[in-house]
C-alpha atoms as a PDB file:
ATOM      1  CA  UNK A   1      31.265   2.304 -32.709  1.00  0.00           C
ATOM      2  CA  UNK A   2      28.390   4.483 -31.549  1.00  0.00           C
ATOM      3  CA  UNK A   3      25.345   5.157 -33.866  1.00  0.00           C
ATOM      4  CA  UNK A   4      24.227   8.233 -31.810  1.00  0.00           C
ATOM      5  CA  UNK A   5      25.644  11.700 -31.684  1.00  0.00           C
ATOM      6  CA  UNK A   6      28.563  11.894 -29.086  1.00  0.00           C
ATOM      7  CA  UNK A   7      26.772  14.467 -26.984  1.00  0.00           C
ATOM      8  CA  UNK A   8      23.916  12.164 -26.415  1.00  0.00           C
ATOM      9  CA  UNK A   9      26.353   9.250 -25.629  1.00  0.00           C
ATOM     10  CA  UNK A  10      28.042  11.612 -23.041  1.00  0.00           C
ATOM     11  CA  UNK A  11      24.629  12.400 -21.453  1.00  0.00           C
ATOM     12  CA  UNK A  12      23.743   8.718 -21.002  1.00  0.00           C
ATOM     13  CA  UNK A  13      27.218   7.446 -20.058  1.00  0.00           C
ATOM     14  CA  UNK A  14      29.248  10.239 -18.464  1.00  0.00           C
ATOM     15  CA  UNK A  15      31.350   7.588 -17.071  1.00  0.00           C
ATOM     16  CA  UNK A  16      32.021   5.730 -20.239  1.00  0.00           C
ATOM     17  CA  UNK A  17      29.590   2.998 -19.228  1.00  0.00           C
ATOM     18  CA  UNK A  18      25.988   2.700 -19.286  1.00  0.00           C
ATOM     19  CA  UNK A  19      24.551   1.832 -15.759  1.00  0.00           C
ATOM     20  CA  UNK A  20      21.095   0.146 -16.134  1.00  0.00           C
ATOM     21  CA  UNK A  21      18.881  -0.128 -13.043  1.00  0.00           C
ATOM     22  CA  UNK A  22      17.393  -3.588 -13.110  1.00  0.00           C
ATOM     23  CA  UNK A  23      14.458  -4.704 -10.939  1.00  0.00           C
ATOM     24  CA  UNK A  24      14.250  -8.265 -10.001  1.00  0.00           C
ATOM     25  CA  UNK A  25      10.760  -7.640  -8.363  1.00  0.00           C
ATOM     26  CA  UNK A  26       9.195  -8.194 -11.862  1.00  0.00           C
ATOM     27  CA  UNK A  27       9.579 -11.801 -13.024  1.00  0.00           C
ATOM     28  CA  UNK A  28       8.107 -11.018 -16.384  1.00  0.00           C
ATOM     29  CA  UNK A  29      11.014  -8.732 -17.306  1.00  0.00           C
ATOM     30  CA  UNK A  30      14.040  -9.975 -15.254  1.00  0.00           C
ATOM     31  CA  UNK A  31      15.381 -12.988 -13.451  1.00  0.00           C
ATOM     32  CA  UNK A  32      18.309 -14.395 -11.826  1.00  0.00           C
ATOM     33  CA  UNK A  33      19.501 -17.807 -12.902  1.00  0.00           C
ATOM     34  CA  UNK A  34      19.205 -20.184 -10.014  1.00  0.00           C
ATOM     35  CA  UNK A  35      22.549 -21.877 -10.806  1.00  0.00           C
ATOM     36  CA  UNK A  36      24.802 -19.122 -12.285  1.00  0.00           C
ATOM     37  CA  UNK A  37      23.274 -16.051 -10.523  1.00  0.00           C
ATOM     38  CA  UNK A  38      23.428 -14.204 -13.744  1.00  0.00           C
ATOM     39  CA  UNK A  39      20.615 -11.703 -14.238  1.00  0.00           C
ATOM     40  CA  UNK A  40      18.742 -11.834 -17.501  1.00  0.00           C
ATOM     41  CA  UNK A  41      15.375 -11.203 -19.073  1.00  0.00           C
ATOM     42  CA  UNK A  42      13.755  -8.746 -21.426  1.00  0.00           C
ATOM     43  CA  UNK A  43      14.895  -5.678 -19.606  1.00  0.00           C
ATOM     44  CA  UNK A  44      18.437  -6.885 -19.674  1.00  0.00           C
ATOM     45  CA  UNK A  45      18.359  -7.527 -23.393  1.00  0.00           C
ATOM     46  CA  UNK A  46      16.950  -4.059 -23.926  1.00  0.00           C
ATOM     47  CA  UNK A  47      19.710  -2.536 -21.775  1.00  0.00           C
ATOM     48  CA  UNK A  48      22.542  -4.420 -23.623  1.00  0.00           C
ATOM     49  CA  UNK A  49      21.063  -3.428 -26.995  1.00  0.00           C
ATOM     50  CA  UNK A  50      20.942   0.258 -25.921  1.00  0.00           C
ATOM     51  CA  UNK A  51      24.438   0.154 -24.753  1.00  0.00           C
ATOM     52  CA  UNK A  52      25.647  -1.365 -28.001  1.00  0.00           C
ATOM     53  CA  UNK A  53      23.797   1.418 -29.940  1.00  0.00           C
ATOM     54  CA  UNK A  54      25.573   4.003 -27.731  1.00  0.00           C
ATOM     55  CA  UNK A  55      28.860   2.233 -28.319  1.00  0.00           C
ATOM     56  CA  UNK A  56      29.696   1.810 -24.558  1.00  0.00           C
ATOM     57  CA  UNK A  57      29.830  -0.946 -22.156  1.00  0.00           C
ATOM     58  CA  UNK A  58      27.057  -1.999 -19.837  1.00  0.00           C
ATOM     59  CA  UNK A  59      26.914  -2.252 -15.983  1.00  0.00           C
ATOM     60  CA  UNK A  60      23.826  -3.833 -14.311  1.00  0.00           C
ATOM     61  CA  UNK A  61      22.677  -2.139 -11.044  1.00  0.00           C
ATOM     62  CA  UNK A  62      20.342  -4.720  -9.530  1.00  0.00           C
ATOM     63  CA  UNK A  63      17.649  -4.294  -7.075  1.00  0.00           C
ATOM     64  CA  UNK A  64      14.948  -6.531  -5.446  1.00  0.00           C
ATOM     65  CA  UNK A  65      12.077  -3.943  -5.624  1.00  0.00           C
ATOM     66  CA  UNK A  66      10.685  -1.390  -8.104  1.00  0.00           C
ATOM     67  CA  UNK A  67      10.997   1.505  -5.639  1.00  0.00           C
ATOM     68  CA  UNK A  68      14.653   1.006  -5.010  1.00  0.00           C
ATOM     69  CA  UNK A  69      15.197   0.908  -8.735  1.00  0.00           C
ATOM     70  CA  UNK A  70      13.217   4.102  -9.237  1.00  0.00           C
ATOM     71  CA  UNK A  71      15.198   5.753  -6.498  1.00  0.00           C
ATOM     72  CA  UNK A  72      18.515   4.914  -8.094  1.00  0.00           C
ATOM     73  CA  UNK A  73      17.735   6.597 -11.399  1.00  0.00           C
ATOM     74  CA  UNK A  74      16.319   9.629  -9.712  1.00  0.00           C
ATOM     75  CA  UNK A  75      19.657   9.822  -7.643  1.00  0.00           C
ATOM     76  CA  UNK A  76      21.463   9.335 -10.843  1.00  0.00           C
ATOM     77  CA  UNK A  77      23.274   6.238  -9.416  1.00  0.00           C
ATOM     78  CA  UNK A  78      22.008   4.630 -12.785  1.00  0.00           C
ATOM     79  CA  UNK A  79      21.734   6.215 -16.271  1.00  0.00           C
ATOM     80  CA  UNK A  80      18.596   4.280 -17.469  1.00  0.00           C
ATOM     81  CA  UNK A  81      15.895   2.077 -15.779  1.00  0.00           C
ATOM     82  CA  UNK A  82      12.858  -0.022 -16.588  1.00  0.00           C
ATOM     83  CA  UNK A  83       9.704   1.017 -14.747  1.00  0.00           C
ATOM     84  CA  UNK A  84       5.865   0.880 -14.929  1.00  0.00           C
ATOM     85  CA  UNK A  85       4.672   4.331 -15.875  1.00  0.00           C
ATOM     86  CA  UNK A  86       3.092   6.082 -12.870  1.00  0.00           C
ATOM     87  CA  UNK A  87       2.412   9.863 -12.096  1.00  0.00           C
ATOM     88  CA  UNK A  88       4.233   9.619  -8.713  1.00  0.00           C
ATOM     89  CA  UNK A  89       7.391   8.262 -10.362  1.00  0.00           C
ATOM     90  CA  UNK A  90       7.393  11.115 -13.172  1.00  0.00           C
ATOM     91  CA  UNK A  91       9.290  13.663 -10.929  1.00  0.00           C
ATOM     92  CA  UNK A  92      12.914  13.454 -11.983  1.00  0.00           C
ATOM     93  CA  UNK A  93      12.585  10.779 -14.496  1.00  0.00           C
ATOM     94  CA  UNK A  94      11.724  11.061 -18.317  1.00  0.00           C
ATOM     95  CA  UNK A  95       9.912   8.086 -19.437  1.00  0.00           C
ATOM     96  CA  UNK A  96       9.519   6.612 -22.868  1.00  0.00           C
ATOM     97  CA  UNK A  97       6.296   5.281 -24.195  1.00  0.00           C
ATOM     98  CA  UNK A  98       5.578   1.678 -23.028  1.00  0.00           C
ATOM     99  CA  UNK A  99       7.275  -1.193 -24.572  1.00  0.00           C
ATOM    100  CA  UNK A 100       5.361  -3.997 -22.888  1.00  0.00           C
ATOM    101  CA  UNK A 101       1.800  -4.251 -21.296  1.00  0.00           C
ATOM    102  CA  UNK A 102       1.553  -6.496 -18.350  1.00  0.00           C
ATOM    103  CA  UNK A 103      -1.828  -7.537 -16.532  1.00  0.00           C
ATOM    104  CA  UNK A 104      -2.243  -7.003 -12.777  1.00  0.00           C
ATOM    105  CA  UNK A 105      -4.542  -9.452 -11.087  1.00  0.00           C
ATOM    106  CA  UNK A 106      -6.053 -10.412  -7.590  1.00  0.00           C
ATOM    107  CA  UNK A 107      -5.473 -13.833  -5.987  1.00  0.00           C
ATOM    108  CA  UNK A 108      -7.585 -15.212  -3.192  1.00  0.00           C
ATOM    109  CA  UNK A 109      -8.002 -18.481  -1.153  1.00  0.00           C
ATOM    110  CA  UNK A 110     -10.248 -21.022  -2.704  1.00  0.00           C
ATOM    111  CA  UNK A 111     -12.710 -20.493   0.190  1.00  0.00           C
ATOM    112  CA  UNK A 112     -12.744 -16.711  -0.198  1.00  0.00           C
ATOM    113  CA  UNK A 113     -16.324 -15.371  -0.838  1.00  0.00           C
ATOM    114  CA  UNK A 114     -14.808 -12.994  -3.247  1.00  0.00           C
ATOM    115  CA  UNK A 115     -15.673 -13.683  -6.900  1.00  0.00           C
ATOM    116  CA  UNK A 116     -14.928 -10.684  -9.035  1.00  0.00           C
ATOM    117  CA  UNK A 117     -12.402  -7.810  -9.001  1.00  0.00           C
ATOM    118  CA  UNK A 118     -15.095  -5.113  -8.175  1.00  0.00           C
ATOM    119  CA  UNK A 119     -15.800  -6.875  -4.826  1.00  0.00           C
ATOM    120  CA  UNK A 120     -12.376  -6.251  -3.508  1.00  0.00           C
ATOM    121  CA  UNK A 121     -12.745  -2.575  -2.485  1.00  0.00           C
ATOM    122  CA  UNK A 122     -15.011  -3.244   0.702  1.00  0.00           C
ATOM    123  CA  UNK A 123     -14.413  -2.415   4.246  1.00  0.00           C
ATOM    124  CA  UNK A 124     -12.657  -5.126   6.237  1.00  0.00           C
ATOM    125  CA  UNK A 125     -10.858  -6.505   3.221  1.00  0.00           C
ATOM    126  CA  UNK A 126      -7.137  -6.542   3.567  1.00  0.00           C
ATOM    127  CA  UNK A 127      -5.124  -6.401   0.299  1.00  0.00           C
ATOM    128  CA  UNK A 128      -1.377  -7.413   0.265  1.00  0.00           C
ATOM    129  CA  UNK A 129       0.879  -5.777  -2.412  1.00  0.00           C
ATOM    130  CA  UNK A 130       4.534  -5.354  -2.962  1.00  0.00           C
ATOM    131  CA  UNK A 131       5.723  -2.110  -1.309  1.00  0.00           C
ATOM    132  CA  UNK A 132       6.495   0.669  -3.875  1.00  0.00           C
ATOM    133  CA  UNK A 133       5.370  -1.432  -6.895  1.00  0.00           C
ATOM    134  CA  UNK A 134       3.208  -0.024  -9.613  1.00  0.00           C
ATOM    135  CA  UNK A 135       0.451  -1.935  -8.003  1.00  0.00           C
ATOM    136  CA  UNK A 136       0.999  -0.387  -4.730  1.00  0.00           C
ATOM    137  CA  UNK A 137       0.897   3.177  -6.249  1.00  0.00           C
ATOM    138  CA  UNK A 138      -2.211   2.318  -8.323  1.00  0.00           C
ATOM    139  CA  UNK A 139      -4.258   0.733  -5.502  1.00  0.00           C
ATOM    140  CA  UNK A 140      -3.305   3.408  -2.928  1.00  0.00           C
ATOM    141  CA  UNK A 141      -5.003   5.865  -5.242  1.00  0.00           C
ATOM    142  CA  UNK A 142      -7.978   3.722  -6.344  1.00  0.00           C
ATOM    143  CA  UNK A 143      -8.937   1.581  -3.343  1.00  0.00           C
ATOM    144  CA  UNK A 144     -11.257   3.630  -1.107  1.00  0.00           C
ATOM    145  CA  UNK A 145     -12.653   1.176   1.596  1.00  0.00           C
ATOM    146  CA  UNK A 146     -10.223  -1.877   1.603  1.00  0.00           C
ATOM    147  CA  UNK A 147      -6.960  -1.887   3.586  1.00  0.00           C
ATOM    148  CA  UNK A 148      -3.554  -2.080   1.834  1.00  0.00           C
ATOM    149  CA  UNK A 149      -0.741  -4.035   3.523  1.00  0.00           C
ATOM    150  CA  UNK A 150       2.615  -4.171   1.974  1.00  0.00           C
ATOM    151  CA  UNK A 151       5.019  -7.010   1.479  1.00  0.00           C
ATOM    152  CA  UNK A 152       8.831  -6.235   1.089  1.00  0.00           C
ATOM    153  CA  UNK A 153       8.876  -6.890  -2.575  1.00  0.00           C
ATOM    154  CA  UNK A 154       6.351  -8.019  -5.353  1.00  0.00           C
ATOM    155  CA  UNK A 155       7.826 -11.723  -5.328  1.00  0.00           C
ATOM    156  CA  UNK A 156       7.035 -11.933  -1.611  1.00  0.00           C
ATOM    157  CA  UNK A 157       3.551 -10.776  -1.805  1.00  0.00           C
ATOM    158  CA  UNK A 158       1.815 -14.294  -1.757  1.00  0.00           C
ATOM    159  CA  UNK A 159       4.023 -15.761   1.003  1.00  0.00           C
ATOM    160  CA  UNK A 160       3.231 -12.368   3.020  1.00  0.00           C
ATOM    161  CA  UNK A 161      -0.519 -12.771   2.131  1.00  0.00           C
ATOM    162  CA  UNK A 162      -0.468 -16.257   3.678  1.00  0.00           C
ATOM    163  CA  UNK A 163       1.721 -15.390   6.567  1.00  0.00           C
ATOM    164  CA  UNK A 164      -0.316 -12.364   7.591  1.00  0.00           C
ATOM    165  CA  UNK A 165      -3.829 -13.779   6.825  1.00  0.00           C
ATOM    166  CA  UNK A 166      -4.675 -11.138   4.315  1.00  0.00           C
ATOM    167  CA  UNK A 167      -7.803 -11.473   2.086  1.00  0.00           C
ATOM    168  CA  UNK A 168      -6.295 -10.646  -1.214  1.00  0.00           C
ATOM    169  CA  UNK A 169      -2.857 -10.653  -2.939  1.00  0.00           C
ATOM    170  CA  UNK A 170      -2.400  -8.233  -5.725  1.00  0.00           C
ATOM    171  CA  UNK A 171       0.345  -8.237  -8.370  1.00  0.00           C
ATOM    172  CA  UNK A 172       1.770  -9.396 -11.698  1.00  0.00           C
ATOM    173  CA  UNK A 173      -0.583 -12.019 -13.011  1.00  0.00           C
ATOM    174  CA  UNK A 174       2.126 -14.563 -13.871  1.00  0.00           C
ATOM    175  CA  UNK A 175       3.755 -14.305 -10.698  1.00  0.00           C
ATOM    176  CA  UNK A 176       0.387 -14.878  -8.820  1.00  0.00           C
ATOM    177  CA  UNK A 177      -0.316 -17.928 -11.067  1.00  0.00           C
ATOM    178  CA  UNK A 178       3.095 -19.552 -10.278  1.00  0.00           C
ATOM    179  CA  UNK A 179       2.634 -18.954  -6.577  1.00  0.00           C
ATOM    180  CA  UNK A 180      -0.830 -20.437  -6.608  1.00  0.00           C
ATOM    181  CA  UNK A 181       0.551 -23.645  -8.326  1.00  0.00           C
ATOM    182  CA  UNK A 182       3.407 -23.759  -5.722  1.00  0.00           C
ATOM    183  CA  UNK A 183       1.173 -23.370  -2.701  1.00  0.00           C
ATOM    184  CA  UNK A 184      -2.165 -24.757  -3.620  1.00  0.00           C
ATOM    185  CA  UNK A 185      -5.583 -23.781  -2.350  1.00  0.00           C
ATOM    186  CA  UNK A 186      -5.561 -20.389  -4.119  1.00  0.00           C
ATOM    187  CA  UNK A 187      -7.314 -18.970  -7.180  1.00  0.00           C
ATOM    188  CA  UNK A 188      -7.101 -15.842  -9.239  1.00  0.00           C
ATOM    189  CA  UNK A 189     -10.129 -13.635  -9.682  1.00  0.00           C
ATOM    190  CA  UNK A 190     -11.167 -13.366 -13.328  1.00  0.00           C
ATOM    191  CA  UNK A 191      -9.695 -10.657 -15.571  1.00  0.00           C
ATOM    192  CA  UNK A 192      -7.454  -8.049 -14.351  1.00  0.00           C
ATOM    193  CA  UNK A 193      -7.658  -4.956 -12.404  1.00  0.00           C
ATOM    194  CA  UNK A 194      -5.120  -2.924 -14.176  1.00  0.00           C
ATOM    195  CA  UNK A 195      -2.766  -3.011 -17.160  1.00  0.00           C
ATOM    196  CA  UNK A 196       0.833  -2.022 -16.428  1.00  0.00           C
ATOM    197  CA  UNK A 197       2.653   0.060 -19.069  1.00  0.00           C
ATOM    198  CA  UNK A 198       6.350  -0.961 -18.749  1.00  0.00           C
ATOM    199  CA  UNK A 199       8.747   1.743 -20.116  1.00  0.00           C
ATOM    200  CA  UNK A 200      12.281   2.831 -20.012  1.00  0.00           C
ATOM    201  CA  UNK A 201      13.365   5.965 -18.297  1.00  0.00           C
ATOM    202  CA  UNK A 202      16.453   8.145 -17.819  1.00  0.00           C
ATOM    203  CA  UNK A 203      17.061  11.053 -15.278  1.00  0.00           C
ATOM    204  CA  UNK A 204      15.426  14.232 -16.475  1.00  0.00           C
ATOM    205  CA  UNK A 205      18.667  16.031 -16.005  1.00  0.00           C
ATOM    206  CA  UNK A 206      20.037  14.321 -18.899  1.00  0.00           C
ATOM    207  CA  UNK A 207      18.145  16.657 -21.240  1.00  0.00           C
ATOM    208  CA  UNK A 208      15.655  16.532 -23.930  1.00  0.00           C
ATOM    209  CA  UNK A 209      17.724  15.158 -26.633  1.00  0.00           C
ATOM    210  CA  UNK A 210      18.722  12.119 -24.552  1.00  0.00           C
ATOM    211  CA  UNK A 211      15.100  11.580 -23.515  1.00  0.00           C
ATOM    212  CA  UNK A 212      14.142  11.696 -27.287  1.00  0.00           C
ATOM    213  CA  UNK A 213      16.968   9.211 -28.256  1.00  0.00           C
ATOM    214  CA  UNK A 214      15.679   6.783 -25.620  1.00  0.00           C
ATOM    215  CA  UNK A 215      12.246   7.015 -26.760  1.00  0.00           C
ATOM    216  CA  UNK A 216      13.316   6.621 -30.360  1.00  0.00           C
ATOM    217  CA  UNK A 217      15.137   3.522 -29.301  1.00  0.00           C
ATOM    218  CA  UNK A 218      12.084   1.922 -27.600  1.00  0.00           C
ATOM    219  CA  UNK A 219       9.859   2.617 -30.823  1.00  0.00           C
ATOM    220  CA  UNK A 220      12.663   0.957 -33.019  1.00  0.00           C
ATOM    221  CA  UNK A 221      12.808  -2.112 -30.533  1.00  0.00           C
ATOM    222  CA  UNK A 222       8.994  -2.532 -30.830  1.00  0.00           C
ATOM    223  CA  UNK A 223       8.743  -1.966 -34.588  1.00  0.00           C
ATOM    224  CA  UNK A 224      11.738  -4.215 -35.428  1.00  0.00           C
ATOM    225  CA  UNK A 225      10.402  -7.102 -33.520  1.00  0.00           C
ATOM    226  CA  UNK A 226      13.114  -6.884 -30.904  1.00  0.00           C
ATOM    227  CA  UNK A 227      10.745  -6.764 -28.018  1.00  0.00           C
ATOM    228  CA  UNK A 228       8.421  -9.616 -29.296  1.00  0.00           C
ATOM    229  CA  UNK A 229      11.507 -11.830 -29.887  1.00  0.00           C
ATOM    230  CA  UNK A 230      12.831 -11.087 -26.424  1.00  0.00           C
ATOM    231  CA  UNK A 231       9.466 -12.102 -24.857  1.00  0.00           C
ATOM    232  CA  UNK A 232       9.448 -15.291 -26.907  1.00  0.00           C
ATOM    233  CA  UNK A 233      13.003 -16.182 -26.165  1.00  0.00           C
ATOM    234  CA  UNK A 234      12.471 -15.875 -22.396  1.00  0.00           C
ATOM    235  CA  UNK A 235       9.203 -17.831 -22.651  1.00  0.00           C
ATOM    236  CA  UNK A 236       7.036 -14.905 -21.189  1.00  0.00           C
ATOM    237  CA  UNK A 237       3.225 -15.388 -21.594  1.00  0.00           C
ATOM    238  CA  UNK A 238       0.701 -12.837 -20.584  1.00  0.00           C
ATOM    239  CA  UNK A 239       2.732  -9.909 -21.527  1.00  0.00           C
ATOM    240  CA  UNK A 240       2.255  -8.128 -24.950  1.00  0.00           C
ATOM    241  CA  UNK A 241       4.322  -5.668 -26.833  1.00  0.00           C
ATOM    242  CA  UNK A 242       2.808  -2.216 -26.478  1.00  0.00           C
ATOM    243  CA  UNK A 243       1.557  -0.425 -29.515  1.00  0.00           C
ATOM    244  CA  UNK A 244       3.600   2.170 -31.308  1.00  0.00           C
ATOM    245  CA  UNK A 245       3.477   5.725 -29.593  1.00  0.00           C
END
């Protein structure tokens, strides 16, 4: 039975089922089981919990890149989604406050002369990033001299960086660490160049009451320990629960 006003349930699930846009491009929050193919992770846990609160079934609409996931929600092909907050994504989507904070980092070859994040933005430096990712959007605004090149998805960044001979790979710190261990001869630059604010979102057309209900759900999920428990359950390190809004 729904714990939310029927009008809000109808706004989120006009077809009687909640369609959640899931981005596999962020390994911190989603993954596909290598044996069963089942999609899981923190985002999926939150989607299922919100569907349960609405009293409806859940349908996962799965994408391999953030840009596609954003487009699905903007086109109302999904009712909710999980995104890094970015000004360019705000049109057509109402975001909650963040539920998780994730570090963005740079990766280089061991032999690279680059030693710090502030050395990256120089003429002649080629930076590989996942097309349409939060890192792509941020670096497109912030880098003034370096050249940005784009891999098809965030998980493909390091392989593209190697294949194309780029100077720097940019993305989720944990993904870069895993790829460095897999490939060898690579190192992360110290620290981080940005912090991703990961939030939930719904089409703006669903109305203010729906947006407020989703925002309240996220605050409850943080305050109750649900988000922290999901991060621990999935063995996620390097991501932290965002503070209360």
